Amino acid sequence: MKILKKMLFVIYLLGTSLLHAQEFQAGAPISAIDESGDRVFTTDNVKVYGSFYFSESCTFDSDRNLILAMNSGKFRADGPNDAYVSLLNPDGSVHTPKWIGATRDGLELNDPLGSTISEGKLYTVDIDYLRIFDLSSGKPLSSIKVDGATGMNGIGVSNDGTVYASNTRNPEVVFQINPDGSSAVFSDHESLSLPNGVAIDNDGNIVVVNMGDNKVITFDQNGDIKKTEYAAESGGDGIVIMEDGTKYVTSVRHGSVSRFSNDGDVSVIARGIPNAASMCYDSIQNQLVIPMNSNYAMGFIQL
């Protein structure tokens, strides 16, 4: 009787194991779903490196020939004041894992998204704060609370030190933060749809990329729209504007990079880059560097 019970128990375990068994699946190469719903694999001109924690933006320090990557640390509100900034070599290898954030002495940095460098300072937006750091030492210089901000994302700084920052969450607006620390809504135009990337063009205009559609909107300094362009795919995030006026725009939703030439032509130069976020331009190596936030990686495109 005991032997029969043991046999029945073994049969039960085998049946249960077979019932819950799953076919082994290996991971697929890096890819993204394009706007047509097709999976496209990373094009040959993209090289990927890792070791980041939800890095959403980068900016390039030409004086030191280093890439600065913003990292959220513990994700969003789950871990307040745990974000940091890494320094990377131009080949993507790590120079300093935690340059800003190795210690928290006087530092408050929760969820830095967009970033830029201007006049020896590093600027980044952190939910409802503008954070400014000394570029040579990494020392925090100032933290400016932006009233009404709920989730600032892209950032651009004009020659006079005025900051323009998109607010992707409701309200979908672009803020203006003045050098004296005062702030106001720069634009709440109806054409803004989940505004994301922000850059200053060669004429001092403010260029904003929509994530809610494929619009790339150029505002003059009075907040009036000068022109609207359209990326090859929707879900815009990062924007780089070259000295000759050529624009590059990433699609965080569809993993592509659109190139806007001066003659109005728009073409896709790279695909299959998942979560292609707020990229920067490495002017010495002549390459685009693209954070791939939730993939904890960077993509490099040689131009």
C-alpha atoms as a PDB file:
ATOM      1  CA  MET A   1       0.000   0.000   0.000  1.00  0.00           C
ATOM      2  CA  LYS A   2       2.841   2.381   0.907  1.00  0.00           C
ATOM      3  CA  ILE A   3       4.619   1.551  -2.361  1.00  0.00           C
ATOM      4  CA  LEU A   4       1.446   2.275  -4.330  1.00  0.00           C
ATOM      5  CA  LYS A   5       1.045   5.641  -2.611  1.00  0.00           C
ATOM      6  CA  LYS A   6       4.653   6.527  -3.401  1.00  0.00           C
ATOM      7  CA  MET A   7       4.146   5.594  -7.050  1.00  0.00           C
ATOM      8  CA  LEU A   8       1.018   7.693  -7.280  1.00  0.00           C
ATOM      9  CA  PHE A   9       2.827  10.636  -5.658  1.00  0.00           C
ATOM     10  CA  VAL A  10       5.718  10.361  -8.132  1.00  0.00           C
ATOM     11  CA  ILE A  11       3.251  10.261 -11.052  1.00  0.00           C
ATOM     12  CA  TYR A  12       1.532  13.355  -9.635  1.00  0.00           C
ATOM     13  CA  LEU A  13       4.846  15.243  -9.386  1.00  0.00           C
ATOM     14  CA  LEU A  14       5.793  14.301 -12.948  1.00  0.00           C
ATOM     15  CA  GLY A  15       2.427  15.438 -14.233  1.00  0.00           C
ATOM     16  CA  THR A  16       2.665  18.714 -12.380  1.00  0.00           C
ATOM     17  CA  SER A  17       6.175  19.325 -13.703  1.00  0.00           C
ATOM     18  CA  LEU A  18       5.096  18.691 -17.294  1.00  0.00           C
ATOM     19  CA  LEU A  19       2.044  20.885 -16.853  1.00  0.00           C
ATOM     20  CA  HIS A  20       4.131  23.857 -15.740  1.00  0.00           C
ATOM     21  CA  ALA A  21       7.137  23.257 -18.013  1.00  0.00           C
ATOM     22  CA  GLN A  22       7.924  26.040 -20.461  1.00  0.00           C
ATOM     23  CA  GLU A  23       9.939  25.958 -23.626  1.00  0.00           C
ATOM     24  CA  PHE A  24      13.330  27.563 -23.226  1.00  0.00           C
ATOM     25  CA  GLN A  25      13.710  30.894 -25.039  1.00  0.00           C
ATOM     26  CA  ALA A  26      16.961  32.772 -25.506  1.00  0.00           C
ATOM     27  CA  GLY A  27      17.043  36.544 -25.531  1.00  0.00           C
ATOM     28  CA  ALA A  28      16.752  38.296 -28.888  1.00  0.00           C
ATOM     29  CA  PRO A  29      19.248  40.846 -30.271  1.00  0.00           C
ATOM     30  CA  ILE A  30      18.549  44.510 -29.524  1.00  0.00           C
ATOM     31  CA  SER A  31      15.568  45.768 -31.473  1.00  0.00           C
ATOM     32  CA  ALA A  32      12.579  48.092 -31.389  1.00  0.00           C
ATOM     33  CA  ILE A  33       9.054  48.174 -32.800  1.00  0.00           C
ATOM     34  CA  ASP A  34       8.720  50.778 -35.545  1.00  0.00           C
ATOM     35  CA  GLU A  35       5.648  52.877 -36.272  1.00  0.00           C
ATOM     36  CA  SER A  36       4.333  50.226 -38.669  1.00  0.00           C
ATOM     37  CA  GLY A  37       4.377  47.653 -35.879  1.00  0.00           C
ATOM     38  CA  ASP A  38       7.343  45.752 -37.300  1.00  0.00           C
ATOM     39  CA  ARG A  39      10.336  44.694 -35.217  1.00  0.00           C
ATOM     40  CA  VAL A  40      13.561  46.157 -36.584  1.00  0.00           C
ATOM     41  CA  PHE A  41      17.010  45.224 -35.403  1.00  0.00           C
ATOM     42  CA  THR A  42      19.759  47.690 -34.604  1.00  0.00           C
ATOM     43  CA  THR A  43      21.420  49.017 -37.726  1.00  0.00           C
ATOM     44  CA  ASP A  44      25.138  48.402 -38.199  1.00  0.00           C
ATOM     45  CA  ASN A  45      26.083  52.011 -37.474  1.00  0.00           C
ATOM     46  CA  VAL A  46      24.871  51.800 -33.849  1.00  0.00           C
ATOM     47  CA  LYS A  47      27.174  50.461 -31.145  1.00  0.00           C
ATOM     48  CA  VAL A  48      25.787  49.839 -27.640  1.00  0.00           C
ATOM     49  CA  TYR A  49      27.470  49.922 -24.248  1.00  0.00           C
ATOM     50  CA  GLY A  50      25.948  49.369 -20.803  1.00  0.00           C
ATOM     51  CA  SER A  51      26.391  50.040 -17.067  1.00  0.00           C
ATOM     52  CA  PHE A  52      23.842  52.794 -16.522  1.00  0.00           C
ATOM     53  CA  TYR A  53      20.769  53.085 -14.313  1.00  0.00           C
ATOM     54  CA  PHE A  54      17.911  54.607 -16.300  1.00  0.00           C
ATOM     55  CA  SER A  55      20.030  57.225 -17.996  1.00  0.00           C
ATOM     56  CA  GLU A  56      17.592  59.494 -19.867  1.00  0.00           C
ATOM     57  CA  SER A  57      19.961  62.143 -21.170  1.00  0.00           C
ATOM     58  CA  CYS A  58      23.584  62.954 -21.806  1.00  0.00           C
ATOM     59  CA  THR A  59      25.621  66.022 -22.666  1.00  0.00           C
ATOM     60  CA  PHE A  60      29.145  66.418 -24.008  1.00  0.00           C
ATOM     61  CA  ASP A  61      31.989  68.281 -22.309  1.00  0.00           C
ATOM     62  CA  SER A  62      34.312  69.225 -25.163  1.00  0.00           C
ATOM     63  CA  ASP A  63      36.954  70.710 -22.831  1.00  0.00           C
ATOM     64  CA  ARG A  64      37.540  67.335 -21.157  1.00  0.00           C
ATOM     65  CA  ASN A  65      36.383  65.200 -24.095  1.00  0.00           C
ATOM     66  CA  LEU A  66      33.935  63.379 -21.824  1.00  0.00           C
ATOM     67  CA  ILE A  67      30.261  62.446 -21.958  1.00  0.00           C
ATOM     68  CA  LEU A  68      28.097  63.228 -18.929  1.00  0.00           C
ATOM     69  CA  ALA A  69      25.229  60.784 -18.378  1.00  0.00           C
ATOM     70  CA  MET A  70      22.302  61.529 -16.044  1.00  0.00           C
ATOM     71  CA  ASN A  71      21.208  58.477 -14.022  1.00  0.00           C
ATOM     72  CA  SER A  72      18.065  58.181 -11.910  1.00  0.00           C
ATOM     73  CA  GLY A  73      19.440  55.736  -9.352  1.00  0.00           C
ATOM     74  CA  LYS A  74      16.494  54.112  -7.603  1.00  0.00           C
ATOM     75  CA  PHE A  75      13.643  54.511 -10.023  1.00  0.00           C
ATOM     76  CA  ARG A  76      11.680  57.766  -9.766  1.00  0.00           C
ATOM     77  CA  ALA A  77       9.798  58.251  -6.511  1.00  0.00           C
ATOM     78  CA  ASP A  78      10.891  54.836  -5.174  1.00  0.00           C
ATOM     79  CA  GLY A  79      14.225  56.196  -4.027  1.00  0.00           C
ATOM     80  CA  PRO A  80      14.435  59.941  -3.427  1.00  0.00           C
ATOM     81  CA  ASN A  81      17.821  61.661  -3.703  1.00  0.00           C
ATOM     82  CA  ASP A  82      19.682  58.690  -5.149  1.00  0.00           C
ATOM     83  CA  ALA A  83      20.414  59.965  -8.654  1.00  0.00           C
ATOM     84  CA  TYR A  84      23.914  60.498  -9.998  1.00  0.00           C
ATOM     85  CA  VAL A  85      25.965  61.662 -12.992  1.00  0.00           C
ATOM     86  CA  SER A  86      28.508  59.424 -14.718  1.00  0.00           C
ATOM     87  CA  LEU A  87      31.488  60.455 -16.817  1.00  0.00           C
ATOM     88  CA  LEU A  88      32.109  58.362 -19.935  1.00  0.00           C
ATOM     89  CA  ASN A  89      34.960  58.230 -22.379  1.00  0.00           C
ATOM     90  CA  PRO A  90      34.043  58.888 -26.029  1.00  0.00           C
ATOM     91  CA  ASP A  91      34.148  55.148 -26.786  1.00  0.00           C
ATOM     92  CA  GLY A  92      31.463  54.526 -24.168  1.00  0.00           C
ATOM     93  CA  SER A  93      33.740  53.085 -21.518  1.00  0.00           C
ATOM     94  CA  VAL A  94      33.295  54.415 -18.001  1.00  0.00           C
ATOM     95  CA  HIS A  95      35.581  57.190 -16.823  1.00  0.00           C
ATOM     96  CA  THR A  96      33.926  57.877 -13.436  1.00  0.00           C
ATOM     97  CA  PRO A  97      30.912  55.731 -12.419  1.00  0.00           C
ATOM     98  CA  LYS A  98      29.551  58.312  -9.981  1.00  0.00           C
ATOM     99  CA  TRP A  99      31.024  61.732 -10.591  1.00  0.00           C
ATOM    100  CA  ILE A 100      28.133  63.696  -9.083  1.00  0.00           C
ATOM    101  CA  GLY A 101      26.532  61.466  -6.465  1.00  0.00           C
ATOM    102  CA  ALA A 102      29.552  59.649  -5.015  1.00  0.00           C
ATOM    103  CA  THR A 103      28.601  61.412  -1.787  1.00  0.00           C
ATOM    104  CA  ARG A 104      25.421  63.309  -0.947  1.00  0.00           C
ATOM    105  CA  ASP A 105      27.074  66.190   0.854  1.00  0.00           C
ATOM    106  CA  GLY A 106      24.910  69.152  -0.063  1.00  0.00           C
ATOM    107  CA  LEU A 107      23.479  67.231  -3.013  1.00  0.00           C
ATOM    108  CA  GLU A 108      19.809  66.730  -3.787  1.00  0.00           C
ATOM    109  CA  LEU A 109      19.195  64.925  -7.071  1.00  0.00           C
ATOM    110  CA  ASN A 110      16.150  62.719  -7.512  1.00  0.00           C
ATOM    111  CA  ASP A 111      15.274  62.114 -11.153  1.00  0.00           C
ATOM    112  CA  PRO A 112      17.389  64.136 -13.590  1.00  0.00           C
ATOM    113  CA  LEU A 113      16.118  63.975 -17.162  1.00  0.00           C
ATOM    114  CA  GLY A 114      17.187  66.538 -19.767  1.00  0.00           C
ATOM    115  CA  SER A 115      20.646  68.084 -19.426  1.00  0.00           C
ATOM    116  CA  THR A 116      22.895  70.608 -21.145  1.00  0.00           C
ATOM    117  CA  ILE A 117      26.136  72.515 -20.648  1.00  0.00           C
ATOM    118  CA  SER A 118      26.520  76.281 -20.883  1.00  0.00           C
ATOM    119  CA  GLU A 119      29.201  78.726 -19.733  1.00  0.00           C
ATOM    120  CA  GLY A 120      31.015  76.238 -17.513  1.00  0.00           C
ATOM    121  CA  LYS A 121      27.857  74.935 -15.863  1.00  0.00           C
ATOM    122  CA  LEU A 122      25.881  71.700 -16.063  1.00  0.00           C
ATOM    123  CA  TYR A 123      22.108  72.182 -16.106  1.00  0.00           C
ATOM    124  CA  THR A 124      19.562  69.433 -15.531  1.00  0.00           C
ATOM    125  CA  VAL A 125      15.849  69.323 -14.774  1.00  0.00           C
ATOM    126  CA  ASP A 126      14.753  67.231 -11.811  1.00  0.00           C
ATOM    127  CA  ILE A 127      10.942  66.856 -11.633  1.00  0.00           C
ATOM    128  CA  ASP A 128      10.068  70.384 -10.436  1.00  0.00           C
ATOM    129  CA  TYR A 129      13.573  71.719  -9.869  1.00  0.00           C
ATOM    130  CA  LEU A 130      16.271  73.133 -12.087  1.00  0.00           C
ATOM    131  CA  ARG A 131      19.642  71.916 -10.777  1.00  0.00           C
ATOM    132  CA  ILE A 132      22.858  73.721 -11.728  1.00  0.00           C
ATOM    133  CA  PHE A 133      26.360  72.345 -11.106  1.00  0.00           C
ATOM    134  CA  ASP A 134      29.887  73.603 -11.605  1.00  0.00           C
ATOM    135  CA  LEU A 135      31.188  71.741 -14.648  1.00  0.00           C
ATOM    136  CA  SER A 136      34.791  71.500 -13.489  1.00  0.00           C
ATOM    137  CA  SER A 137      34.164  70.255  -9.942  1.00  0.00           C
ATOM    138  CA  GLY A 138      30.613  68.869 -10.031  1.00  0.00           C
ATOM    139  CA  LYS A 139      29.738  71.005  -7.011  1.00  0.00           C
ATOM    140  CA  PRO A 140      26.051  71.959  -6.724  1.00  0.00           C
ATOM    141  CA  LEU A 141      25.609  75.659  -7.418  1.00  0.00           C
ATOM    142  CA  SER A 142      21.869  76.179  -7.143  1.00  0.00           C
ATOM    143  CA  SER A 143      18.499  74.438  -7.089  1.00  0.00           C
ATOM    144  CA  ILE A 144      15.574  76.456  -8.370  1.00  0.00           C
ATOM    145  CA  LYS A 145      11.990  75.407  -7.670  1.00  0.00           C
ATOM    146  CA  VAL A 146       9.792  75.916 -10.731  1.00  0.00           C
ATOM    147  CA  ASP A 147       6.224  76.635  -9.662  1.00  0.00           C
ATOM    148  CA  GLY A 148       3.672  74.596 -11.578  1.00  0.00           C
ATOM    149  CA  ALA A 149       6.173  72.029 -12.844  1.00  0.00           C
ATOM    150  CA  THR A 150       5.110  68.400 -12.450  1.00  0.00           C
ATOM    151  CA  GLY A 151       7.695  66.580 -14.553  1.00  0.00           C
ATOM    152  CA  MET A 152      10.198  68.658 -16.486  1.00  0.00           C
ATOM    153  CA  ASN A 153      11.973  66.764 -19.243  1.00  0.00           C
ATOM    154  CA  GLY A 154      13.884  68.587 -22.005  1.00  0.00           C
ATOM    155  CA  ILE A 155      16.115  71.601 -21.438  1.00  0.00           C
ATOM    156  CA  GLY A 156      17.858  74.288 -23.469  1.00  0.00           C
ATOM    157  CA  VAL A 157      19.867  77.305 -22.321  1.00  0.00           C
ATOM    158  CA  SER A 158      20.136  80.498 -24.355  1.00  0.00           C
ATOM    159  CA  ASN A 159      23.260  82.669 -24.559  1.00  0.00           C
ATOM    160  CA  ASP A 160      21.975  85.006 -21.839  1.00  0.00           C
ATOM    161  CA  GLY A 161      21.471  82.141 -19.379  1.00  0.00           C
ATOM    162  CA  THR A 162      17.691  81.833 -19.767  1.00  0.00           C
ATOM    163  CA  VAL A 163      16.552  78.215 -19.425  1.00  0.00           C
ATOM    164  CA  TYR A 164      13.675  76.703 -21.395  1.00  0.00           C
ATOM    165  CA  ALA A 165      12.312  73.412 -20.039  1.00  0.00           C
ATOM    166  CA  SER A 166       9.489  71.233 -21.276  1.00  0.00           C
ATOM    167  CA  ASN A 167       6.925  69.791 -18.861  1.00  0.00           C
ATOM    168  CA  THR A 168       5.804  66.505 -20.363  1.00  0.00           C
ATOM    169  CA  ARG A 169       3.193  65.669 -17.757  1.00  0.00           C
ATOM    170  CA  ASN A 170       0.062  67.751 -17.281  1.00  0.00           C
ATOM    171  CA  PRO A 171       0.284  70.696 -17.770  1.00  0.00           C
ATOM    172  CA  GLU A 172       1.917  70.194 -21.176  1.00  0.00           C
ATOM    173  CA  VAL A 173       3.851  73.445 -21.351  1.00  0.00           C
ATOM    174  CA  VAL A 174       7.317  74.904 -21.777  1.00  0.00           C
ATOM    175  CA  PHE A 175       8.690  76.855 -18.816  1.00  0.00           C
ATOM    176  CA  GLN A 176      11.100  79.769 -18.913  1.00  0.00           C
ATOM    177  CA  ILE A 177      13.507  80.086 -15.976  1.00  0.00           C
ATOM    178  CA  ASN A 178      15.335  83.386 -15.894  1.00  0.00           C
ATOM    179  CA  PRO A 179      18.912  83.926 -14.643  1.00  0.00           C
ATOM    180  CA  ASP A 180      17.544  85.565 -11.480  1.00  0.00           C
ATOM    181  CA  GLY A 181      15.653  82.366 -10.618  1.00  0.00           C
ATOM    182  CA  SER A 182      12.175  83.608 -11.495  1.00  0.00           C
ATOM    183  CA  SER A 183      10.080  81.390 -13.758  1.00  0.00           C
ATOM    184  CA  ALA A 184       6.933  81.496 -15.840  1.00  0.00           C
ATOM    185  CA  VAL A 185       5.152  79.564 -18.587  1.00  0.00           C
ATOM    186  CA  PHE A 186       6.894  80.341 -21.871  1.00  0.00           C
ATOM    187  CA  SER A 187       4.303  78.548 -24.017  1.00  0.00           C
ATOM    188  CA  ASP A 188       1.155  76.522 -23.479  1.00  0.00           C
ATOM    189  CA  HIS A 189       0.295  76.455 -27.182  1.00  0.00           C
ATOM    190  CA  GLU A 190      -2.227  73.831 -28.242  1.00  0.00           C
ATOM    191  CA  SER A 191       0.301  72.317 -30.652  1.00  0.00           C
ATOM    192  CA  LEU A 192       2.349  71.057 -27.696  1.00  0.00           C
ATOM    193  CA  SER A 193       1.628  67.359 -27.233  1.00  0.00           C
ATOM    194  CA  LEU A 194       3.699  65.771 -24.472  1.00  0.00           C
ATOM    195  CA  PRO A 195       6.561  68.220 -25.136  1.00  0.00           C
ATOM    196  CA  ASN A 196       9.909  66.567 -24.588  1.00  0.00           C
ATOM    197  CA  GLY A 197      13.243  67.529 -26.177  1.00  0.00           C
ATOM    198  CA  VAL A 198      14.293  71.191 -26.173  1.00  0.00           C
ATOM    199  CA  ALA A 199      17.184  72.898 -27.959  1.00  0.00           C
ATOM    200  CA  ILE A 200      18.241  76.414 -28.915  1.00  0.00           C
ATOM    201  CA  ASP A 201      18.906  76.861 -32.625  1.00  0.00           C
ATOM    202  CA  ASN A 202      21.615  79.018 -34.184  1.00  0.00           C
ATOM    203  CA  ASP A 203      19.281  82.040 -34.304  1.00  0.00           C
ATOM    204  CA  GLY A 204      18.334  81.823 -30.639  1.00  0.00           C
ATOM    205  CA  ASN A 205      14.936  80.233 -31.305  1.00  0.00           C
ATOM    206  CA  ILE A 206      13.547  77.559 -28.986  1.00  0.00           C
ATOM    207  CA  VAL A 207      12.930  74.218 -30.691  1.00  0.00           C
ATOM    208  CA  VAL A 208      10.619  71.724 -28.966  1.00  0.00           C
ATOM    209  CA  VAL A 209      10.063  68.068 -29.862  1.00  0.00           C
ATOM    210  CA  ASN A 210       6.680  66.472 -29.175  1.00  0.00           C
ATOM    211  CA  MET A 211       6.430  62.954 -27.808  1.00  0.00           C
ATOM    212  CA  GLY A 212       2.659  62.874 -28.391  1.00  0.00           C
ATOM    213  CA  ASP A 213       3.082  63.138 -32.172  1.00  0.00           C
ATOM    214  CA  ASN A 214       5.886  63.778 -34.679  1.00  0.00           C
ATOM    215  CA  LYS A 215       5.978  67.580 -34.555  1.00  0.00           C
ATOM    216  CA  VAL A 216       9.171  69.578 -34.105  1.00  0.00           C
ATOM    217  CA  ILE A 217       8.112  73.143 -33.270  1.00  0.00           C
ATOM    218  CA  THR A 218      10.300  76.238 -33.481  1.00  0.00           C
ATOM    219  CA  PHE A 219       9.308  79.175 -31.250  1.00  0.00           C
ATOM    220  CA  ASP A 220      10.845  82.621 -31.318  1.00  0.00           C
ATOM    221  CA  GLN A 221      11.840  84.219 -28.019  1.00  0.00           C
ATOM    222  CA  ASN A 222       8.403  85.823 -27.732  1.00  0.00           C
ATOM    223  CA  GLY A 223       6.749  82.408 -27.747  1.00  0.00           C
ATOM    224  CA  ASP A 224       5.343  82.695 -31.269  1.00  0.00           C
ATOM    225  CA  ILE A 225       5.624  79.690 -33.592  1.00  0.00           C
ATOM    226  CA  LYS A 226       7.967  80.307 -36.516  1.00  0.00           C
ATOM    227  CA  LYS A 227       7.648  76.891 -38.152  1.00  0.00           C
ATOM    228  CA  THR A 228       6.589  73.302 -37.583  1.00  0.00           C
ATOM    229  CA  GLU A 229       8.496  70.329 -38.971  1.00  0.00           C
ATOM    230  CA  TYR A 230       7.681  66.626 -38.827  1.00  0.00           C
ATOM    231  CA  ALA A 231       9.932  63.742 -37.851  1.00  0.00           C
ATOM    232  CA  ALA A 232       9.777  60.461 -39.741  1.00  0.00           C
ATOM    233  CA  GLU A 233       8.200  58.754 -36.714  1.00  0.00           C
ATOM    234  CA  SER A 234       6.201  59.975 -33.743  1.00  0.00           C
ATOM    235  CA  GLY A 235       7.233  59.757 -30.108  1.00  0.00           C
ATOM    236  CA  GLY A 236       9.978  62.393 -30.281  1.00  0.00           C
ATOM    237  CA  ASP A 237      12.430  62.764 -27.421  1.00  0.00           C
ATOM    238  CA  GLY A 238      15.964  64.045 -28.001  1.00  0.00           C
ATOM    239  CA  ILE A 239      17.105  66.775 -30.367  1.00  0.00           C
ATOM    240  CA  VAL A 240      20.526  67.908 -31.551  1.00  0.00           C
ATOM    241  CA  ILE A 241      21.023  70.982 -33.750  1.00  0.00           C
ATOM    242  CA  MET A 242      24.301  71.229 -35.653  1.00  0.00           C
ATOM    243  CA  GLU A 243      26.219  74.391 -36.548  1.00  0.00           C
ATOM    244  CA  ASP A 244      24.971  74.162 -40.138  1.00  0.00           C
ATOM    245  CA  GLY A 245      21.351  73.926 -38.949  1.00  0.00           C
ATOM    246  CA  THR A 246      20.908  70.187 -39.522  1.00  0.00           C
ATOM    247  CA  LYS A 247      18.670  68.649 -36.861  1.00  0.00           C
ATOM    248  CA  TYR A 248      18.630  65.112 -35.465  1.00  0.00           C
ATOM    249  CA  VAL A 249      15.582  63.875 -33.513  1.00  0.00           C
ATOM    250  CA  THR A 250      15.108  60.564 -31.712  1.00  0.00           C
ATOM    251  CA  SER A 251      11.857  58.630 -31.382  1.00  0.00           C
ATOM    252  CA  VAL A 252      11.739  57.125 -27.908  1.00  0.00           C
ATOM    253  CA  ARG A 253       8.659  55.123 -28.863  1.00  0.00           C
ATOM    254  CA  HIS A 254       9.849  53.675 -32.156  1.00  0.00           C
ATOM    255  CA  GLY A 255      13.612  53.592 -31.812  1.00  0.00           C
ATOM    256  CA  SER A 256      14.683  55.683 -34.783  1.00  0.00           C
ATOM    257  CA  VAL A 257      16.720  58.814 -35.496  1.00  0.00           C
ATOM    258  CA  SER A 258      15.371  61.355 -38.011  1.00  0.00           C
ATOM    259  CA  ARG A 259      17.683  63.742 -39.833  1.00  0.00           C
ATOM    260  CA  PHE A 260      16.331  67.148 -40.935  1.00  0.00           C
ATOM    261  CA  SER A 261      18.464  68.685 -43.677  1.00  0.00           C
ATOM    262  CA  ASN A 262      18.421  72.370 -44.527  1.00  0.00           C
ATOM    263  CA  ASP A 263      16.571  71.728 -47.787  1.00  0.00           C
ATOM    264  CA  GLY A 264      13.598  70.336 -45.861  1.00  0.00           C
ATOM    265  CA  ASP A 265      14.348  66.665 -46.490  1.00  0.00           C
ATOM    266  CA  VAL A 266      13.649  64.305 -43.567  1.00  0.00           C
ATOM    267  CA  SER A 267      15.267  60.872 -43.533  1.00  0.00           C
ATOM    268  CA  VAL A 268      15.871  58.076 -41.025  1.00  0.00           C
ATOM    269  CA  ILE A 269      19.564  57.448 -40.378  1.00  0.00           C
ATOM    270  CA  ALA A 270      19.231  54.679 -37.769  1.00  0.00           C
ATOM    271  CA  ARG A 271      16.616  52.263 -36.458  1.00  0.00           C
ATOM    272  CA  GLY A 272      16.118  49.595 -33.833  1.00  0.00           C
ATOM    273  CA  ILE A 273      17.310  51.660 -30.847  1.00  0.00           C
ATOM    274  CA  PRO A 274      14.912  50.843 -27.996  1.00  0.00           C
ATOM    275  CA  ASN A 275      13.897  53.782 -25.789  1.00  0.00           C
ATOM    276  CA  ALA A 276      16.065  56.218 -27.777  1.00  0.00           C
ATOM    277  CA  ALA A 277      15.976  59.187 -25.410  1.00  0.00           C
ATOM    278  CA  SER A 278      17.602  62.606 -25.043  1.00  0.00           C
ATOM    279  CA  MET A 279      20.803  62.311 -27.069  1.00  0.00           C
ATOM    280  CA  CYS A 280      23.833  64.578 -27.217  1.00  0.00           C
ATOM    281  CA  TYR A 281      26.411  65.403 -29.862  1.00  0.00           C
ATOM    282  CA  ASP A 282      30.089  64.600 -29.361  1.00  0.00           C
ATOM    283  CA  SER A 283      31.685  67.361 -31.430  1.00  0.00           C
ATOM    284  CA  ILE A 284      35.224  65.961 -31.244  1.00  0.00           C
ATOM    285  CA  GLN A 285      34.488  62.405 -32.371  1.00  0.00           C
ATOM    286  CA  ASN A 286      31.567  63.613 -34.551  1.00  0.00           C
ATOM    287  CA  GLN A 287      29.061  61.155 -33.124  1.00  0.00           C
ATOM    288  CA  LEU A 288      25.591  61.090 -31.629  1.00  0.00           C
ATOM    289  CA  VAL A 289      25.300  59.485 -28.196  1.00  0.00           C
ATOM    290  CA  ILE A 290      21.849  58.116 -27.365  1.00  0.00           C
ATOM    291  CA  PRO A 291      20.761  57.037 -23.864  1.00  0.00           C
ATOM    292  CA  MET A 292      18.452  54.017 -23.974  1.00  0.00           C
ATOM    293  CA  ASN A 293      17.029  54.617 -20.474  1.00  0.00           C
ATOM    294  CA  SER A 294      15.239  51.433 -19.319  1.00  0.00           C
ATOM    295  CA  ASN A 295      17.761  49.332 -21.286  1.00  0.00           C
ATOM    296  CA  TYR A 296      20.557  50.799 -19.125  1.00  0.00           C
ATOM    297  CA  ALA A 297      22.711  51.429 -22.178  1.00  0.00           C
ATOM    298  CA  MET A 298      24.010  54.010 -24.646  1.00  0.00           C
ATOM    299  CA  GLY A 299      23.945  53.892 -28.429  1.00  0.00           C
ATOM    300  CA  PHE A 300      26.681  55.556 -30.509  1.00  0.00           C
ATOM    301  CA  ILE A 301      26.173  56.730 -34.097  1.00  0.00           C
ATOM    302  CA  GLN A 302      29.188  57.889 -36.070  1.00  0.00           C
ATOM    303  CA  LEU A 303      28.231  60.752 -38.397  1.00  0.00           C
END
